[in-house]
Amino acid sequence: MLIIDEVKTGFRVARGGVQELYGVKADLCTFAKAVANGYPISVLAGREDIMRKIGKGVAHGGTYTAHSVSLAAAEKTLDILENTDALDRIAQYGTRLRHGMRAILSARGILTASSAIRR
């Protein structure tokens, strides 16, 4: 069974997270606040046959369980990610920011290094 933790990468690096970037598909994966643009939420997703086994007899409760604001934020965030070029625009902003910082620091003789995920 392949389990991928997309808490840092899900909905940030690509619509399909690192699974999309690397061409893999997890049996189970986890997501967090990026699903809801920073609102408190966590998600466990996966193959239907596995999820049906997990759900039998399992109860979970917590402060933000089924929290209506977090769920509404998640619904809107996922809609924006699916129907706009938001991730591409964010990647472009990041590229411009890295290049600008490199230019400013290089002009002052400060060596720099940066990294980014290529999409």
N, C-alpha and C. Protein backbone atom coordinates (compact mmCIF):
# COMPACT_ATOMS: atom_id res chain seq x y z
N MET A 1 0.85 -1.17 0.00
CA MET A 1 0.00 0.00 0.00
C MET A 1 0.90 1.24 0.00
N LEU A 2 0.58 2.19 -0.86
CA LEU A 2 1.33 3.44 -0.93
C LEU A 2 0.52 4.55 -0.25
N ILE A 3 1.12 5.14 0.78
CA ILE A 3 0.50 6.25 1.49
C ILE A 3 1.38 7.48 1.27
N ILE A 4 0.78 8.56 0.80
CA ILE A 4 1.54 9.79 0.55
C ILE A 4 0.98 10.90 1.43
N ASP A 5 1.88 11.55 2.14
CA ASP A 5 1.53 12.69 3.00
C ASP A 5 1.63 13.95 2.15
N GLU A 6 0.48 14.51 1.80
CA GLU A 6 0.42 15.72 0.98
C GLU A 6 0.12 16.95 1.83
N VAL A 7 0.40 16.87 3.13
CA VAL A 7 0.10 18.00 4.01
C VAL A 7 0.82 19.27 3.55
N LYS A 8 2.06 19.16 3.11
CA LYS A 8 2.80 20.34 2.64
C LYS A 8 2.66 20.57 1.14
N THR A 9 2.37 19.54 0.38
CA THR A 9 2.40 19.64 -1.08
C THR A 9 1.03 19.66 -1.73
N GLY A 10 0.04 19.07 -1.09
CA GLY A 10 -1.28 18.98 -1.69
C GLY A 10 -1.91 20.34 -1.94
N PHE A 11 -2.30 20.58 -3.17
CA PHE A 11 -2.95 21.82 -3.59
C PHE A 11 -2.03 23.03 -3.55
N ARG A 12 -0.73 22.78 -3.40
CA ARG A 12 0.24 23.87 -3.42
C ARG A 12 1.14 23.77 -4.65
N VAL A 13 1.66 22.59 -4.92
CA VAL A 13 2.61 22.42 -6.02
C VAL A 13 1.92 22.09 -7.33
N ALA A 14 0.74 21.54 -7.26
CA ALA A 14 -0.07 21.21 -8.43
C ALA A 14 -1.45 20.83 -7.93
N ARG A 15 -2.42 20.88 -8.81
CA ARG A 15 -3.77 20.50 -8.38
C ARG A 15 -3.78 19.09 -7.79
N GLY A 16 -2.99 18.21 -8.36
CA GLY A 16 -2.91 16.84 -7.89
C GLY A 16 -1.74 16.57 -6.97
N GLY A 17 -1.14 17.63 -6.41
CA GLY A 17 -0.03 17.49 -5.49
C GLY A 17 1.18 16.82 -6.12
N VAL A 18 2.03 16.24 -5.29
CA VAL A 18 3.23 15.58 -5.82
C VAL A 18 2.85 14.35 -6.64
N GLN A 19 1.69 13.80 -6.38
CA GLN A 19 1.25 12.65 -7.17
C GLN A 19 1.13 13.03 -8.64
N GLU A 20 0.60 14.21 -8.90
CA GLU A 20 0.50 14.70 -10.28
C GLU A 20 1.89 14.98 -10.85
N LEU A 21 2.74 15.62 -10.07
CA LEU A 21 4.08 15.99 -10.56
C LEU A 21 4.92 14.77 -10.92
N TYR A 22 4.83 13.71 -10.11
CA TYR A 22 5.69 12.55 -10.29
C TYR A 22 4.99 11.37 -10.95
N GLY A 23 3.73 11.54 -11.29
CA GLY A 23 3.02 10.48 -12.00
C GLY A 23 2.77 9.22 -11.18
N VAL A 24 2.50 9.39 -9.90
CA VAL A 24 2.17 8.25 -9.05
C VAL A 24 0.77 8.44 -8.48
N LYS A 25 0.20 7.37 -7.98
CA LYS A 25 -1.13 7.46 -7.39
C LYS A 25 -1.12 6.69 -6.08
N ALA A 26 -1.38 7.39 -5.01
CA ALA A 26 -1.37 6.77 -3.68
C ALA A 26 -2.64 5.97 -3.45
N ASP A 27 -2.52 4.96 -2.59
CA ASP A 27 -3.69 4.23 -2.14
C ASP A 27 -4.43 5.05 -1.09
N LEU A 28 -3.65 5.74 -0.24
CA LEU A 28 -4.19 6.68 0.74
C LEU A 28 -3.32 7.93 0.74
N CYS A 29 -3.92 9.08 0.98
CA CYS A 29 -3.12 10.30 1.10
C CYS A 29 -3.77 11.24 2.11
N THR A 30 -2.94 12.09 2.69
CA THR A 30 -3.41 13.04 3.70
C THR A 30 -3.23 14.46 3.18
N PHE A 31 -4.13 15.32 3.59
CA PHE A 31 -4.09 16.74 3.24
C PHE A 31 -4.42 17.55 4.48
N ALA A 32 -4.10 18.83 4.45
CA ALA A 32 -4.39 19.68 5.61
C ALA A 32 -4.91 21.04 5.16
N LYS A 33 -4.49 22.08 5.85
CA LYS A 33 -5.08 23.41 5.71
C LYS A 33 -5.07 24.00 4.30
N ALA A 34 -4.17 23.55 3.42
CA ALA A 34 -4.15 24.07 2.06
C ALA A 34 -5.47 23.77 1.35
N VAL A 35 -6.15 22.71 1.75
CA VAL A 35 -7.44 22.36 1.15
C VAL A 35 -8.44 23.50 1.37
N ALA A 36 -8.31 24.19 2.48
CA ALA A 36 -9.27 25.23 2.85
C ALA A 36 -8.61 26.61 2.96
N ASN A 37 -7.53 26.82 2.20
CA ASN A 37 -6.85 28.12 2.18
C ASN A 37 -6.46 28.59 3.58
N GLY A 38 -6.00 27.67 4.41
CA GLY A 38 -5.49 28.04 5.73
C GLY A 38 -6.44 27.78 6.88
N TYR A 39 -7.70 27.52 6.59
CA TYR A 39 -8.64 27.22 7.67
C TYR A 39 -8.34 25.82 8.22
N PRO A 40 -8.63 25.57 9.49
CA PRO A 40 -8.29 24.29 10.09
C PRO A 40 -9.13 23.15 9.52
N ILE A 41 -8.42 22.22 8.89
CA ILE A 41 -9.09 21.05 8.32
C ILE A 41 -8.03 19.99 8.07
N SER A 42 -8.42 18.76 8.11
CA SER A 42 -7.53 17.68 7.69
C SER A 42 -8.37 16.69 6.90
N VAL A 43 -7.70 16.03 5.95
CA VAL A 43 -8.41 15.14 5.04
C VAL A 43 -7.61 13.86 4.87
N LEU A 44 -8.28 12.75 4.94
CA LEU A 44 -7.71 11.47 4.56
C LEU A 44 -8.52 11.00 3.35
N ALA A 45 -7.84 10.74 2.25
CA ALA A 45 -8.52 10.32 1.03
C ALA A 45 -7.85 9.08 0.48
N GLY A 46 -8.57 8.33 -0.31
CA GLY A 46 -7.95 7.16 -0.89
C GLY A 46 -8.91 6.32 -1.70
N ARG A 47 -8.39 5.15 -2.06
CA ARG A 47 -9.19 4.22 -2.84
C ARG A 47 -10.45 3.85 -2.07
N GLU A 48 -11.54 3.70 -2.81
CA GLU A 48 -12.82 3.42 -2.17
C GLU A 48 -12.80 2.14 -1.34
N ASP A 49 -12.18 1.08 -1.84
CA ASP A 49 -12.18 -0.17 -1.10
C ASP A 49 -11.46 -0.03 0.25
N ILE A 50 -10.42 0.76 0.30
CA ILE A 50 -9.70 0.98 1.56
C ILE A 50 -10.50 1.90 2.47
N MET A 51 -11.02 2.98 1.92
CA MET A 51 -11.78 3.94 2.73
C MET A 51 -13.00 3.28 3.36
N ARG A 52 -13.65 2.37 2.66
CA ARG A 52 -14.81 1.68 3.23
C ARG A 52 -14.43 0.81 4.43
N LYS A 53 -13.24 0.26 4.44
CA LYS A 53 -12.79 -0.54 5.58
C LYS A 53 -12.46 0.35 6.77
N ILE A 54 -11.88 1.51 6.51
CA ILE A 54 -11.53 2.44 7.59
C ILE A 54 -12.78 2.97 8.27
N GLY A 55 -13.81 3.24 7.50
CA GLY A 55 -15.01 3.87 8.02
C GLY A 55 -15.89 2.99 8.87
N LYS A 56 -15.73 1.69 8.83
CA LYS A 56 -16.62 0.80 9.60
C LYS A 56 -16.29 0.85 11.08
N GLY A 57 -17.20 1.40 11.86
CA GLY A 57 -17.03 1.42 13.30
C GLY A 57 -16.06 2.46 13.83
N VAL A 58 -15.58 3.35 12.97
CA VAL A 58 -14.63 4.37 13.39
C VAL A 58 -15.38 5.69 13.61
N ALA A 59 -15.17 6.29 14.76
CA ALA A 59 -15.77 7.60 15.03
C ALA A 59 -14.65 8.57 15.37
N HIS A 60 -14.79 9.77 14.89
CA HIS A 60 -13.78 10.79 15.19
C HIS A 60 -14.49 12.06 15.60
N GLY A 61 -14.00 12.68 16.62
CA GLY A 61 -14.55 13.95 17.06
C GLY A 61 -13.43 14.89 17.39
N GLY A 62 -13.68 16.16 17.25
CA GLY A 62 -12.66 17.15 17.57
C GLY A 62 -13.25 18.54 17.44
N THR A 63 -12.48 19.51 17.83
CA THR A 63 -12.95 20.89 17.84
C THR A 63 -13.46 21.33 16.47
N TYR A 64 -12.75 20.96 15.42
CA TYR A 64 -13.12 21.43 14.09
C TYR A 64 -13.76 20.35 13.22
N THR A 65 -14.19 19.25 13.81
CA THR A 65 -14.85 18.20 13.04
C THR A 65 -16.13 18.75 12.42
N ALA A 66 -16.21 18.64 11.09
CA ALA A 66 -17.38 19.12 10.32
C ALA A 66 -17.66 20.60 10.57
N HIS A 67 -16.62 21.37 10.84
CA HIS A 67 -16.75 22.81 11.08
C HIS A 67 -17.23 23.49 9.80
N SER A 68 -18.36 24.16 9.87
CA SER A 68 -19.00 24.69 8.65
C SER A 68 -18.14 25.73 7.93
N VAL A 69 -17.42 26.57 8.65
CA VAL A 69 -16.59 27.59 8.00
C VAL A 69 -15.42 26.92 7.26
N SER A 70 -14.77 25.97 7.90
CA SER A 70 -13.66 25.26 7.25
C SER A 70 -14.14 24.49 6.03
N LEU A 71 -15.30 23.86 6.14
CA LEU A 71 -15.83 23.11 5.00
C LEU A 71 -16.21 24.03 3.85
N ALA A 72 -16.78 25.19 4.16
CA ALA A 72 -17.12 26.16 3.12
C ALA A 72 -15.85 26.70 2.46
N ALA A 73 -14.83 26.96 3.27
CA ALA A 73 -13.56 27.44 2.72
C ALA A 73 -12.93 26.38 1.82
N ALA A 74 -13.01 25.12 2.22
CA ALA A 74 -12.47 24.04 1.39
C ALA A 74 -13.22 23.94 0.07
N GLU A 75 -14.53 24.02 0.13
CA GLU A 75 -15.32 23.94 -1.11
C GLU A 75 -14.95 25.06 -2.07
N LYS A 76 -14.82 26.28 -1.58
CA LYS A 76 -14.48 27.41 -2.44
C LYS A 76 -13.04 27.31 -2.94
N THR A 77 -12.12 26.91 -2.07
CA THR A 77 -10.72 26.78 -2.47
C THR A 77 -10.58 25.75 -3.59
N LEU A 78 -11.20 24.60 -3.43
CA LEU A 78 -11.12 23.57 -4.46
C LEU A 78 -11.77 24.03 -5.76
N ASP A 79 -12.84 24.80 -5.67
CA ASP A 79 -13.48 25.37 -6.86
C ASP A 79 -12.53 26.32 -7.58
N ILE A 80 -11.87 27.18 -6.83
CA ILE A 80 -10.92 28.13 -7.43
C ILE A 80 -9.76 27.38 -8.09
N LEU A 81 -9.22 26.39 -7.40
CA LEU A 81 -8.10 25.63 -7.96
C LEU A 81 -8.50 24.87 -9.22
N GLU A 82 -9.72 24.39 -9.26
CA GLU A 82 -10.18 23.63 -10.43
C GLU A 82 -10.52 24.54 -11.61
N ASN A 83 -11.01 25.73 -11.35
CA ASN A 83 -11.58 26.55 -12.42
C ASN A 83 -10.81 27.82 -12.75
N THR A 84 -9.65 28.02 -12.16
CA THR A 84 -8.84 29.19 -12.47
C THR A 84 -7.38 28.78 -12.66
N ASP A 85 -6.57 29.74 -13.04
CA ASP A 85 -5.13 29.49 -13.18
C ASP A 85 -4.36 29.95 -11.94
N ALA A 86 -4.99 29.88 -10.77
CA ALA A 86 -4.40 30.39 -9.54
C ALA A 86 -3.02 29.79 -9.26
N LEU A 87 -2.88 28.48 -9.40
CA LEU A 87 -1.58 27.86 -9.11
C LEU A 87 -0.50 28.33 -10.07
N ASP A 88 -0.84 28.51 -11.33
CA ASP A 88 0.13 29.02 -12.30
C ASP A 88 0.54 30.46 -11.95
N ARG A 89 -0.42 31.27 -11.58
CA ARG A 89 -0.11 32.66 -11.20
C ARG A 89 0.77 32.71 -9.95
N ILE A 90 0.48 31.87 -8.97
CA ILE A 90 1.29 31.83 -7.76
C ILE A 90 2.72 31.40 -8.11
N ALA A 91 2.86 30.41 -8.99
CA ALA A 91 4.19 29.95 -9.41
C ALA A 91 4.94 31.09 -10.11
N GLN A 92 4.24 31.86 -10.93
CA GLN A 92 4.87 33.00 -11.61
C GLN A 92 5.31 34.06 -10.60
N TYR A 93 4.49 34.34 -9.61
CA TYR A 93 4.87 35.30 -8.56
C TYR A 93 6.12 34.82 -7.84
N GLY A 94 6.16 33.53 -7.52
CA GLY A 94 7.31 32.98 -6.82
C GLY A 94 8.59 33.10 -7.65
N THR A 95 8.48 32.84 -8.95
CA THR A 95 9.63 32.97 -9.84
C THR A 95 10.11 34.42 -9.88
N ARG A 96 9.19 35.34 -10.03
CA ARG A 96 9.56 36.77 -10.05
C ARG A 96 10.19 37.18 -8.73
N LEU A 97 9.65 36.72 -7.62
CA LEU A 97 10.20 37.05 -6.30
C LEU A 97 11.62 36.51 -6.15
N ARG A 98 11.84 35.24 -6.52
CA ARG A 98 13.18 34.66 -6.42
C ARG A 98 14.17 35.43 -7.29
N HIS A 99 13.79 35.75 -8.53
CA HIS A 99 14.68 36.48 -9.43
C HIS A 99 14.97 37.89 -8.89
N GLY A 100 13.96 38.55 -8.37
CA GLY A 100 14.14 39.89 -7.81
C GLY A 100 15.05 39.89 -6.60
N MET A 101 14.85 38.93 -5.71
CA MET A 101 15.71 38.84 -4.53
C MET A 101 17.15 38.52 -4.92
N ARG A 102 17.30 37.63 -5.90
CA ARG A 102 18.64 37.28 -6.37
C ARG A 102 19.34 38.51 -6.94
N ALA A 103 18.62 39.30 -7.72
CA ALA A 103 19.21 40.51 -8.33
C ALA A 103 19.63 41.51 -7.25
N ILE A 104 18.77 41.74 -6.27
CA ILE A 104 19.07 42.69 -5.19
C ILE A 104 20.28 42.23 -4.39
N LEU A 105 20.28 40.96 -4.00
CA LEU A 105 21.38 40.45 -3.18
C LEU A 105 22.68 40.36 -3.97
N SER A 106 22.60 39.93 -5.22
CA SER A 106 23.80 39.83 -6.07
C SER A 106 24.43 41.20 -6.28
N ALA A 107 23.60 42.24 -6.43
CA ALA A 107 24.11 43.60 -6.61
C ALA A 107 24.91 44.05 -5.39
N ARG A 108 24.67 43.42 -4.25
CA ARG A 108 25.38 43.76 -3.02
C ARG A 108 26.46 42.74 -2.69
N GLY A 109 26.74 41.86 -3.65
CA GLY A 109 27.80 40.87 -3.46
C GLY A 109 27.43 39.72 -2.55
N ILE A 110 26.16 39.50 -2.33
CA ILE A 110 25.71 38.42 -1.46
C ILE A 110 25.31 37.22 -2.33
N LEU A 111 25.96 36.10 -2.08
CA LEU A 111 25.63 34.89 -2.83
C LEU A 111 24.27 34.37 -2.39
N THR A 112 23.52 33.84 -3.34
CA THR A 112 22.19 33.34 -3.03
C THR A 112 21.97 31.97 -3.64
N ALA A 113 21.04 31.26 -3.08
CA ALA A 113 20.57 30.00 -3.64
C ALA A 113 19.09 29.90 -3.35
N SER A 114 18.35 29.39 -4.28
CA SER A 114 16.92 29.19 -4.06
C SER A 114 16.48 27.94 -4.81
N SER A 115 15.34 27.47 -4.44
CA SER A 115 14.82 26.27 -5.12
C SER A 115 13.33 26.44 -5.36
N ALA A 116 12.85 25.69 -6.30
CA ALA A 116 11.43 25.70 -6.63
C ALA A 116 11.08 24.37 -7.25
N ILE A 117 9.84 24.04 -7.19
CA ILE A 117 9.37 22.83 -7.84
C ILE A 117 8.98 23.18 -9.26
N ARG A 118 9.57 22.50 -10.21
CA ARG A 118 9.24 22.76 -11.62
C ARG A 118 7.96 22.03 -11.96
N ARG A 119 7.04 22.76 -12.55
CA ARG A 119 5.75 22.19 -12.92
C ARG A 119 5.67 22.01 -14.39
